Protein backbone atom coordinates (compact mmCIF):
# COMPACT_ATOMS: atom_id res chain seq x y z
CA UNK A 1 0.00 0.00 0.00
CA UNK A 2 1.54 3.33 -1.11
CA UNK A 3 0.89 6.21 1.31
CA UNK A 4 1.81 9.82 0.52
CA UNK A 5 3.28 12.30 3.02
CA UNK A 6 0.02 14.12 3.78
CA UNK A 7 -1.47 10.86 5.10
CA UNK A 8 1.20 9.86 7.65
CA UNK A 9 3.37 11.32 10.39
CA UNK A 10 5.86 9.98 12.92
CA UNK A 11 4.98 10.06 16.61
CA UNK A 12 6.80 8.88 19.74
CA UNK A 13 5.02 6.03 21.50
CA UNK A 14 5.48 4.62 24.97
CA UNK A 15 8.85 3.11 25.95
CA UNK A 16 10.77 4.98 23.22
CA UNK A 17 8.76 3.17 20.52
CA UNK A 18 8.26 4.94 17.18
CA UNK A 19 4.85 4.93 15.50
CA UNK A 20 3.61 5.91 12.07
CA UNK A 21 0.24 7.58 12.48
CA UNK A 22 -1.91 7.04 9.38
CA UNK A 23 -4.79 9.19 8.13
CA UNK A 24 -5.73 12.82 8.68
CA UNK A 25 -7.09 14.71 11.69
CA UNK A 26 -10.63 14.38 10.29
CA UNK A 27 -10.20 10.77 9.12
CA UNK A 28 -7.69 8.95 11.34
CA UNK A 29 -6.87 5.37 10.34
CA UNK A 30 -4.56 4.23 13.14
CA UNK A 31 -0.99 3.83 14.30
CA UNK A 32 1.64 1.38 13.07
CA UNK A 33 4.56 0.59 15.44
CA UNK A 34 7.92 -0.03 13.79
CA UNK A 35 11.59 -0.53 14.58
CA UNK A 36 14.10 1.16 12.25
CA UNK A 37 17.16 -0.80 11.16
CA UNK A 38 18.97 2.29 9.80
CA UNK A 39 18.83 6.06 10.12
CA UNK A 40 15.95 7.73 8.31
CA UNK A 41 14.68 11.19 7.47
CA UNK A 42 11.23 12.44 6.52
CA UNK A 43 10.15 10.38 3.48
CA UNK A 44 8.02 11.63 0.59
CA UNK A 45 6.01 8.37 0.64
CA UNK A 46 5.93 5.10 2.53
CA UNK A 47 5.00 1.63 1.35
CA UNK A 48 3.51 -0.88 3.79
CA UNK A 49 3.46 -4.51 2.69
CA UNK A 50 2.96 -8.01 4.04
CA UNK A 51 5.24 -10.85 2.99
CA UNK A 52 5.09 -14.39 4.38
CA UNK A 53 3.19 -13.25 7.48
CA UNK A 54 5.60 -10.39 8.27
CA UNK A 55 4.79 -6.69 7.81
CA UNK A 56 7.32 -4.20 6.44
CA UNK A 57 7.48 -0.46 5.84
CA UNK A 58 9.72 1.11 3.17
CA UNK A 59 10.55 4.80 2.97
CA UNK A 60 10.62 6.56 -0.43
CA UNK A 61 12.64 9.76 -0.83
CA UNK A 62 12.67 12.26 -3.68
CA UNK A 63 16.13 13.47 -2.59
CA UNK A 64 18.47 12.46 0.19
CA UNK A 65 17.21 13.95 3.45
CA UNK A 66 19.71 15.87 5.59
CA UNK A 67 17.42 15.61 8.62
CA UNK A 68 17.83 12.36 10.57
CA UNK A 69 14.67 11.62 12.55
CA UNK A 70 15.86 8.41 14.18
CA UNK A 71 19.03 6.35 14.49
CA UNK A 72 19.28 2.62 13.56
CA UNK A 73 17.02 -0.21 14.73
CA UNK A 74 15.00 -2.79 12.76
CA UNK A 75 12.13 -1.66 10.47
CA UNK A 76 9.74 -4.56 10.88
CA UNK A 77 6.15 -3.82 11.82
CA UNK A 78 4.97 -5.90 14.74
CA UNK A 79 2.05 -8.21 14.03
CA UNK A 80 1.08 -8.82 17.67
CA UNK A 81 -1.28 -6.37 19.43
CA UNK A 82 0.29 -3.42 21.25
PDB file of N, CA and C in Angstrom:
ATOM      1  N   UNK A   1       0.846  -1.147   0.000  1.00  0.00           N
ATOM      2  CA  UNK A   1       0.000   0.000   0.000  1.00  0.00           C
ATOM      3  C   UNK A   1       0.907   1.229   0.000  1.00  0.00           C
ATOM      4  N   UNK A   2       0.774   2.095  -0.997  1.00  0.00           N
ATOM      5  CA  UNK A   2       1.541   3.331  -1.106  1.00  0.00           C
ATOM      6  C   UNK A   2       0.799   4.448  -0.373  1.00  0.00           C
ATOM      7  N   UNK A   3       1.500   5.143   0.513  1.00  0.00           N
ATOM      8  CA  UNK A   3       0.892   6.207   1.313  1.00  0.00           C
ATOM      9  C   UNK A   3       1.733   7.473   1.152  1.00  0.00           C
ATOM     10  N   UNK A   4       1.091   8.567   0.734  1.00  0.00           N
ATOM     11  CA  UNK A   4       1.806   9.822   0.516  1.00  0.00           C
ATOM     12  C   UNK A   4       1.954  10.615   1.813  1.00  0.00           C
ATOM     13  N   UNK A   5       2.876  11.577   1.805  1.00  0.00           N
ATOM     14  CA  UNK A   5       3.278  12.302   3.019  1.00  0.00           C
ATOM     15  C   UNK A   5       2.124  12.967   3.771  1.00  0.00           C
ATOM     16  N   UNK A   6       1.113  13.449   3.073  1.00  0.00           N
ATOM     17  CA  UNK A   6       0.016  14.124   3.780  1.00  0.00           C
ATOM     18  C   UNK A   6      -0.858  13.153   4.579  1.00  0.00           C
ATOM     19  N   UNK A   7      -0.651  11.846   4.406  1.00  0.00           N
ATOM     20  CA  UNK A   7      -1.474  10.858   5.103  1.00  0.00           C
ATOM     21  C   UNK A   7      -0.729  10.089   6.188  1.00  0.00           C
ATOM     22  N   UNK A   8       0.489  10.513   6.553  1.00  0.00           N
ATOM     23  CA  UNK A   8       1.198   9.861   7.652  1.00  0.00           C
ATOM     24  C   UNK A   8       2.084  10.870   8.375  1.00  0.00           C
ATOM     25  N   UNK A   9       2.400  10.535   9.616  1.00  0.00           N
ATOM     26  CA  UNK A   9       3.370  11.315  10.386  1.00  0.00           C
ATOM     27  C   UNK A   9       3.975  10.405  11.437  1.00  0.00           C
ATOM     28  N   UNK A  10       5.169  10.754  11.908  1.00  0.00           N
ATOM     29  CA  UNK A  10       5.862   9.981  12.923  1.00  0.00           C
ATOM     30  C   UNK A  10       5.534  10.539  14.290  1.00  0.00           C
ATOM     31  N   UNK A  11       5.243   9.654  15.236  1.00  0.00           N
ATOM     32  CA  UNK A  11       4.983  10.064  16.615  1.00  0.00           C
ATOM     33  C   UNK A  11       5.760   9.143  17.550  1.00  0.00           C
ATOM     34  N   UNK A  12       6.090   9.654  18.721  1.00  0.00           N
ATOM     35  CA  UNK A  12       6.798   8.882  19.738  1.00  0.00           C
ATOM     36  C   UNK A  12       5.779   8.140  20.587  1.00  0.00           C
ATOM     37  N   UNK A  13       5.915   6.841  20.676  1.00  0.00           N
ATOM     38  CA  UNK A  13       5.024   6.031  21.496  1.00  0.00           C
ATOM     39  C   UNK A  13       5.623   5.812  22.874  1.00  0.00           C
ATOM     40  N   UNK A  14       4.994   4.959  23.637  1.00  0.00           N
ATOM     41  CA  UNK A  14       5.484   4.615  24.971  1.00  0.00           C
ATOM     42  C   UNK A  14       6.780   3.807  24.857  1.00  0.00           C
ATOM     43  N   UNK A  15       7.605   3.877  25.871  1.00  0.00           N
ATOM     44  CA  UNK A  15       8.852   3.106  25.947  1.00  0.00           C
ATOM     45  C   UNK A  15       9.773   3.351  24.760  1.00  0.00           C
ATOM     46  N   UNK A  16       9.871   4.597  24.303  1.00  0.00           N
ATOM     47  CA  UNK A  16      10.770   4.982  23.217  1.00  0.00           C
ATOM     48  C   UNK A  16      10.429   4.287  21.889  1.00  0.00           C
ATOM     49  N   UNK A  17       9.202   3.831  21.744  1.00  0.00           N
ATOM     50  CA  UNK A  17       8.764   3.169  20.516  1.00  0.00           C
ATOM     51  C   UNK A  17       8.301   4.213  19.506  1.00  0.00           C
ATOM     52  N   UNK A  18       8.695   4.037  18.242  1.00  0.00           N
ATOM     53  CA  UNK A  18       8.259   4.942  17.180  1.00  0.00           C
ATOM     54  C   UNK A  18       6.998   4.380  16.519  1.00  0.00           C
ATOM     55  N   UNK A  19       6.099   5.292  16.150  1.00  0.00           N
ATOM     56  CA  UNK A  19       4.850   4.926  15.497  1.00  0.00           C
ATOM     57  C   UNK A  19       4.679   5.755  14.236  1.00  0.00           C
ATOM     58  N   UNK A  20       4.043   5.166  13.234  1.00  0.00           N
ATOM     59  CA  UNK A  20       3.610   5.914  12.067  1.00  0.00           C
ATOM     60  C   UNK A  20       2.109   6.067  12.231  1.00  0.00           C
ATOM     61  N   UNK A  21       1.654   7.303  12.338  1.00  0.00           N
ATOM     62  CA  UNK A  21       0.235   7.584  12.478  1.00  0.00           C
ATOM     63  C   UNK A  21      -0.341   7.796  11.082  1.00  0.00           C
ATOM     64  N   UNK A  22      -1.332   6.997  10.714  1.00  0.00           N
ATOM     65  CA  UNK A  22      -1.913   7.039   9.375  1.00  0.00           C
ATOM     66  C   UNK A  22      -3.244   7.768   9.375  1.00  0.00           C
ATOM     67  N   UNK A  23      -3.534   8.484   8.277  1.00  0.00           N
ATOM     68  CA  UNK A  23      -4.793   9.189   8.130  1.00  0.00           C
ATOM     69  C   UNK A  23      -4.619  10.686   8.317  1.00  0.00           C
ATOM     70  N   UNK A  24      -5.731  11.370   8.470  1.00  0.00           N
ATOM     71  CA  UNK A  24      -5.735  12.821   8.685  1.00  0.00           C
ATOM     72  C   UNK A  24      -6.404  13.107  10.026  1.00  0.00           C
ATOM     73  N   UNK A  25      -6.412  14.361  10.435  1.00  0.00           N
ATOM     74  CA  UNK A  25      -7.088  14.714  11.692  1.00  0.00           C
ATOM     75  C   UNK A  25      -8.584  14.387  11.608  1.00  0.00           C
ATOM     76  N   UNK A  26      -9.187  14.652  10.454  1.00  0.00           N
ATOM     77  CA  UNK A  26     -10.634  14.383  10.291  1.00  0.00           C
ATOM     78  C   UNK A  26     -10.935  12.910  10.058  1.00  0.00           C
ATOM     79  N   UNK A  27      -9.999  12.184   9.442  1.00  0.00           N
ATOM     80  CA  UNK A  27     -10.197  10.770   9.120  1.00  0.00           C
ATOM     81  C   UNK A  27      -8.999   9.936   9.558  1.00  0.00           C
ATOM     82  N   UNK A  28      -8.832   9.744  10.875  1.00  0.00           N
ATOM     83  CA  UNK A  28      -7.694   8.952  11.344  1.00  0.00           C
ATOM     84  C   UNK A  28      -7.899   7.468  11.011  1.00  0.00           C
ATOM     85  N   UNK A  29      -6.805   6.796  10.655  1.00  0.00           N
ATOM     86  CA  UNK A  29      -6.865   5.365  10.342  1.00  0.00           C
ATOM     87  C   UNK A  29      -6.304   4.541  11.490  1.00  0.00           C
ATOM     88  N   UNK A  30      -5.160   4.954  12.026  1.00  0.00           N
ATOM     89  CA  UNK A  30      -4.561   4.230  13.139  1.00  0.00           C
ATOM     90  C   UNK A  30      -3.069   4.459  13.208  1.00  0.00           C
ATOM     91  N   UNK A  31      -2.421   3.710  14.096  1.00  0.00           N
ATOM     92  CA  UNK A  31      -0.986   3.834  14.298  1.00  0.00           C
ATOM     93  C   UNK A  31      -0.323   2.500  14.014  1.00  0.00           C
ATOM     94  N   UNK A  32       0.869   2.571  13.403  1.00  0.00           N
ATOM     95  CA  UNK A  32       1.644   1.382  13.072  1.00  0.00           C
ATOM     96  C   UNK A  32       2.975   1.476  13.808  1.00  0.00           C
ATOM     97  N   UNK A  33       3.253   0.575  14.769  1.00  0.00           N
ATOM     98  CA  UNK A  33       4.557   0.594  15.436  1.00  0.00           C
ATOM     99  C   UNK A  33       5.614   0.008  14.508  1.00  0.00           C
ATOM    100  N   UNK A  34       6.839   0.533  14.602  1.00  0.00           N
ATOM    101  CA  UNK A  34       7.918  -0.026  13.792  1.00  0.00           C
ATOM    102  C   UNK A  34       9.255   0.169  14.490  1.00  0.00           C
ATOM    103  N   UNK A  35      10.228  -0.622  14.070  1.00  0.00           N
ATOM    104  CA  UNK A  35      11.589  -0.534  14.580  1.00  0.00           C
ATOM    105  C   UNK A  35      12.491  -0.290  13.378  1.00  0.00           C
ATOM    106  N   UNK A  36      13.230   0.801  13.377  1.00  0.00           N
ATOM    107  CA  UNK A  36      14.098   1.155  12.249  1.00  0.00           C
ATOM    108  C   UNK A  36      15.410   0.379  12.323  1.00  0.00           C
ATOM    109  N   UNK A  37      15.882  -0.102  11.189  1.00  0.00           N
ATOM    110  CA  UNK A  37      17.161  -0.799  11.156  1.00  0.00           C
ATOM    111  C   UNK A  37      18.282   0.082  10.603  1.00  0.00           C
ATOM    112  N   UNK A  38      17.968   1.315  10.223  1.00  0.00           N
ATOM    113  CA  UNK A  38      18.968   2.291   9.795  1.00  0.00           C
ATOM    114  C   UNK A  38      18.407   3.691  10.027  1.00  0.00           C
ATOM    115  N   UNK A  39      19.273   4.681   9.955  1.00  0.00           N
ATOM    116  CA  UNK A  39      18.833   6.064  10.122  1.00  0.00           C
ATOM    117  C   UNK A  39      17.844   6.426   9.018  1.00  0.00           C
ATOM    118  N   UNK A  40      16.906   7.309   9.326  1.00  0.00           N
ATOM    119  CA  UNK A  40      15.946   7.733   8.310  1.00  0.00           C
ATOM    120  C   UNK A  40      15.562   9.188   8.524  1.00  0.00           C
ATOM    121  N   UNK A  41      15.170   9.819   7.439  1.00  0.00           N
ATOM    122  CA  UNK A  41      14.678  11.190   7.471  1.00  0.00           C
ATOM    123  C   UNK A  41      13.192  11.176   7.167  1.00  0.00           C
ATOM    124  N   UNK A  42      12.644  12.336   6.834  1.00  0.00           N
ATOM    125  CA  UNK A  42      11.227  12.441   6.519  1.00  0.00           C
ATOM    126  C   UNK A  42      11.001  12.001   5.064  1.00  0.00           C
ATOM    127  N   UNK A  43      10.346  10.867   4.845  1.00  0.00           N
ATOM    128  CA  UNK A  43      10.147  10.379   3.480  1.00  0.00           C
ATOM    129  C   UNK A  43       9.014  11.098   2.755  1.00  0.00           C
ATOM    130  N   UNK A  44       9.070  11.070   1.435  1.00  0.00           N
ATOM    131  CA  UNK A  44       8.018  11.628   0.586  1.00  0.00           C
ATOM    132  C   UNK A  44       6.798  10.703   0.604  1.00  0.00           C
ATOM    133  N   UNK A  45       7.061   9.393   0.614  1.00  0.00           N
ATOM    134  CA  UNK A  45       6.010   8.373   0.637  1.00  0.00           C
ATOM    135  C   UNK A  45       6.503   7.190   1.464  1.00  0.00           C
ATOM    136  N   UNK A  46       5.571   6.372   1.914  1.00  0.00           N
ATOM    137  CA  UNK A  46       5.933   5.098   2.532  1.00  0.00           C
ATOM    138  C   UNK A  46       5.138   3.999   1.838  1.00  0.00           C
ATOM    139  N   UNK A  47       5.692   2.805   1.883  1.00  0.00           N
ATOM    140  CA  UNK A  47       5.005   1.626   1.348  1.00  0.00           C
ATOM    141  C   UNK A  47       4.924   0.618   2.482  1.00  0.00           C
ATOM    142  N   UNK A  48       3.721   0.155   2.776  1.00  0.00           N
ATOM    143  CA  UNK A  48       3.505  -0.877   3.789  1.00  0.00           C
ATOM    144  C   UNK A  48       3.092  -2.141   3.060  1.00  0.00           C
ATOM    145  N   UNK A  49       3.774  -3.259   3.380  1.00  0.00           N
ATOM    146  CA  UNK A  49       3.461  -4.509   2.694  1.00  0.00           C
ATOM    147  C   UNK A  49       3.568  -5.688   3.652  1.00  0.00           C
ATOM    148  N   UNK A  50       2.913  -6.764   3.283  1.00  0.00           N
ATOM    149  CA  UNK A  50       2.958  -8.011   4.039  1.00  0.00           C
ATOM    150  C   UNK A  50       3.609  -9.053   3.149  1.00  0.00           C
ATOM    151  N   UNK A  51       4.554  -9.794   3.721  1.00  0.00           N
ATOM    152  CA  UNK A  51       5.241 -10.849   2.989  1.00  0.00           C
ATOM    153  C   UNK A  51       5.489 -12.014   3.931  1.00  0.00           C
ATOM    154  N   UNK A  52       4.917 -13.165   3.593  1.00  0.00           N
ATOM    155  CA  UNK A  52       5.092 -14.388   4.380  1.00  0.00           C
ATOM    156  C   UNK A  52       4.736 -14.178   5.857  1.00  0.00           C
ATOM    157  N   UNK A  53       3.660 -13.458   6.117  1.00  0.00           N
ATOM    158  CA  UNK A  53       3.187 -13.250   7.485  1.00  0.00           C
ATOM    159  C   UNK A  53       3.894 -12.143   8.246  1.00  0.00           C
ATOM    160  N   UNK A  54       4.880 -11.492   7.639  1.00  0.00           N
ATOM    161  CA  UNK A  54       5.599 -10.393   8.273  1.00  0.00           C
ATOM    162  C   UNK A  54       5.208  -9.087   7.583  1.00  0.00           C
ATOM    163  N   UNK A  55       5.139  -7.999   8.346  1.00  0.00           N
ATOM    164  CA  UNK A  55       4.785  -6.689   7.806  1.00  0.00           C
ATOM    165  C   UNK A  55       6.026  -5.816   7.751  1.00  0.00           C
ATOM    166  N   UNK A  56       6.159  -5.050   6.660  1.00  0.00           N
ATOM    167  CA  UNK A  56       7.320  -4.198   6.436  1.00  0.00           C
ATOM    168  C   UNK A  56       6.878  -2.811   5.993  1.00  0.00           C
ATOM    169  N   UNK A  57       7.706  -1.821   6.326  1.00  0.00           N
ATOM    170  CA  UNK A  57       7.478  -0.460   5.839  1.00  0.00           C
ATOM    171  C   UNK A  57       8.750  -0.010   5.130  1.00  0.00           C
ATOM    172  N   UNK A  58       8.596   0.575   3.942  1.00  0.00           N
ATOM    173  CA  UNK A  58       9.716   1.112   3.166  1.00  0.00           C
ATOM    174  C   UNK A  58       9.514   2.609   3.015  1.00  0.00           C
ATOM    175  N   UNK A  59      10.605   3.353   3.108  1.00  0.00           N
ATOM    176  CA  UNK A  59      10.548   4.804   2.966  1.00  0.00           C
ATOM    177  C   UNK A  59      11.015   5.183   1.569  1.00  0.00           C
ATOM    178  N   UNK A  60      10.296   6.090   0.926  1.00  0.00           N
ATOM    179  CA  UNK A  60      10.620   6.560  -0.427  1.00  0.00           C
ATOM    180  C   UNK A  60      10.972   8.043  -0.348  1.00  0.00           C
ATOM    181  N   UNK A  61      12.156   8.383  -0.869  1.00  0.00           N
ATOM    182  CA  UNK A  61      12.645   9.757  -0.830  1.00  0.00           C
ATOM    183  C   UNK A  61      12.759  10.317  -2.242  1.00  0.00           C
ATOM    184  N   UNK A  62      12.454  11.590  -2.399  1.00  0.00           N
ATOM    185  CA  UNK A  62      12.671  12.258  -3.680  1.00  0.00           C
ATOM    186  C   UNK A  62      14.157  12.627  -3.787  1.00  0.00           C
ATOM    187  N   UNK A  63      14.720  13.122  -2.695  1.00  0.00           N
ATOM    188  CA  UNK A  63      16.135  13.473  -2.595  1.00  0.00           C
ATOM    189  C   UNK A  63      16.620  12.991  -1.241  1.00  0.00           C
ATOM    190  N   UNK A  64      17.912  12.849  -1.105  1.00  0.00           N
ATOM    191  CA  UNK A  64      18.474  12.461   0.191  1.00  0.00           C
ATOM    192  C   UNK A  64      18.095  13.504   1.235  1.00  0.00           C
ATOM    193  N   UNK A  65      17.606  13.049   2.367  1.00  0.00           N
ATOM    194  CA  UNK A  65      17.213  13.949   3.453  1.00  0.00           C
ATOM    195  C   UNK A  65      18.413  14.222   4.348  1.00  0.00           C
ATOM    196  N   UNK A  66      18.641  15.489   4.675  1.00  0.00           N
ATOM    197  CA  UNK A  66      19.710  15.866   5.591  1.00  0.00           C
ATOM    198  C   UNK A  66      19.267  15.771   7.045  1.00  0.00           C
ATOM    199  N   UNK A  67      17.968  15.677   7.262  1.00  0.00           N
ATOM    200  CA  UNK A  67      17.424  15.609   8.618  1.00  0.00           C
ATOM    201  C   UNK A  67      17.261  14.142   9.008  1.00  0.00           C
ATOM    202  N   UNK A  68      17.946  13.722  10.069  1.00  0.00           N
ATOM    203  CA  UNK A  68      17.831  12.361  10.569  1.00  0.00           C
ATOM    204  C   UNK A  68      16.818  12.374  11.712  1.00  0.00           C
ATOM    205  N   UNK A  69      15.711  11.653  11.525  1.00  0.00           N
ATOM    206  CA  UNK A  69      14.672  11.616  12.554  1.00  0.00           C
ATOM    207  C   UNK A  69      14.968  10.575  13.625  1.00  0.00           C
ATOM    208  N   UNK A  70      15.644   9.508  13.247  1.00  0.00           N
ATOM    209  CA  UNK A  70      15.857   8.407  14.182  1.00  0.00           C
ATOM    210  C   UNK A  70      17.110   7.641  13.787  1.00  0.00           C
ATOM    211  N   UNK A  71      17.842   7.154  14.754  1.00  0.00           N
ATOM    212  CA  UNK A  71      19.028   6.349  14.492  1.00  0.00           C
ATOM    213  C   UNK A  71      18.645   4.867  14.379  1.00  0.00           C
ATOM    214  N   UNK A  72      19.571   4.013  13.939  1.00  0.00           N
ATOM    215  CA  UNK A  72      19.280   2.624  13.561  1.00  0.00           C
ATOM    216  C   UNK A  72      18.573   1.757  14.599  1.00  0.00           C
ATOM    217  N   UNK A  73      17.682   0.929  14.101  1.00  0.00           N
ATOM    218  CA  UNK A  73      17.023  -0.212  14.729  1.00  0.00           C
ATOM    219  C   UNK A  73      16.359  -0.966  13.600  1.00  0.00           C
ATOM    220  N   UNK A  74      15.650  -2.041  13.843  1.00  0.00           N
ATOM    221  CA  UNK A  74      15.001  -2.791  12.761  1.00  0.00           C
ATOM    222  C   UNK A  74      13.724  -2.103  12.309  1.00  0.00           C
ATOM    223  N   UNK A  75      13.325  -2.298  11.025  1.00  0.00           N
ATOM    224  CA  UNK A  75      12.131  -1.660  10.468  1.00  0.00           C
ATOM    225  C   UNK A  75      11.078  -2.711  10.166  1.00  0.00           C
ATOM    226  N   UNK A  76      10.784  -3.569  11.083  1.00  0.00           N
ATOM    227  CA  UNK A  76       9.740  -4.563  10.876  1.00  0.00           C
ATOM    228  C   UNK A  76       8.546  -4.176  11.713  1.00  0.00           C
ATOM    229  N   UNK A  77       7.390  -4.167  11.106  1.00  0.00           N
ATOM    230  CA  UNK A  77       6.149  -3.823  11.817  1.00  0.00           C
ATOM    231  C   UNK A  77       5.725  -5.032  12.625  1.00  0.00           C
ATOM    232  N   UNK A  78       5.423  -4.805  13.889  1.00  0.00           N
ATOM    233  CA  UNK A  78       4.975  -5.900  14.737  1.00  0.00           C
ATOM    234  C   UNK A  78       3.584  -6.353  14.343  1.00  0.00           C
ATOM    235  N   UNK A  79       3.356  -7.676  14.373  1.00  0.00           N
ATOM    236  CA  UNK A  79       2.045  -8.208  14.031  1.00  0.00           C
ATOM    237  C   UNK A  79       1.210  -8.500  15.269  1.00  0.00           C
ATOM    238  N   UNK A  80       1.843  -8.567  16.461  1.00  0.00           N
ATOM    239  CA  UNK A  80       1.078  -8.824  17.671  1.00  0.00           C
ATOM    240  C   UNK A  80       0.465  -7.512  18.186  1.00  0.00           C
ATOM    241  N   UNK A  81      -0.622  -7.581  18.919  1.00  0.00           N
ATOM    242  CA  UNK A  81      -1.281  -6.372  19.429  1.00  0.00           C
ATOM    243  C   UNK A  81      -0.361  -5.591  20.368  1.00  0.00           C
ATOM    244  N   UNK A  82      -0.534  -4.285  20.384  1.00  0.00           N
ATOM    245  CA  UNK A  82       0.285  -3.417  21.253  1.00  0.00           C
ATOM    246  C   UNK A  82      -0.171  -3.488  22.672  1.00  0.00           C
TER     247      UNK A  82
END
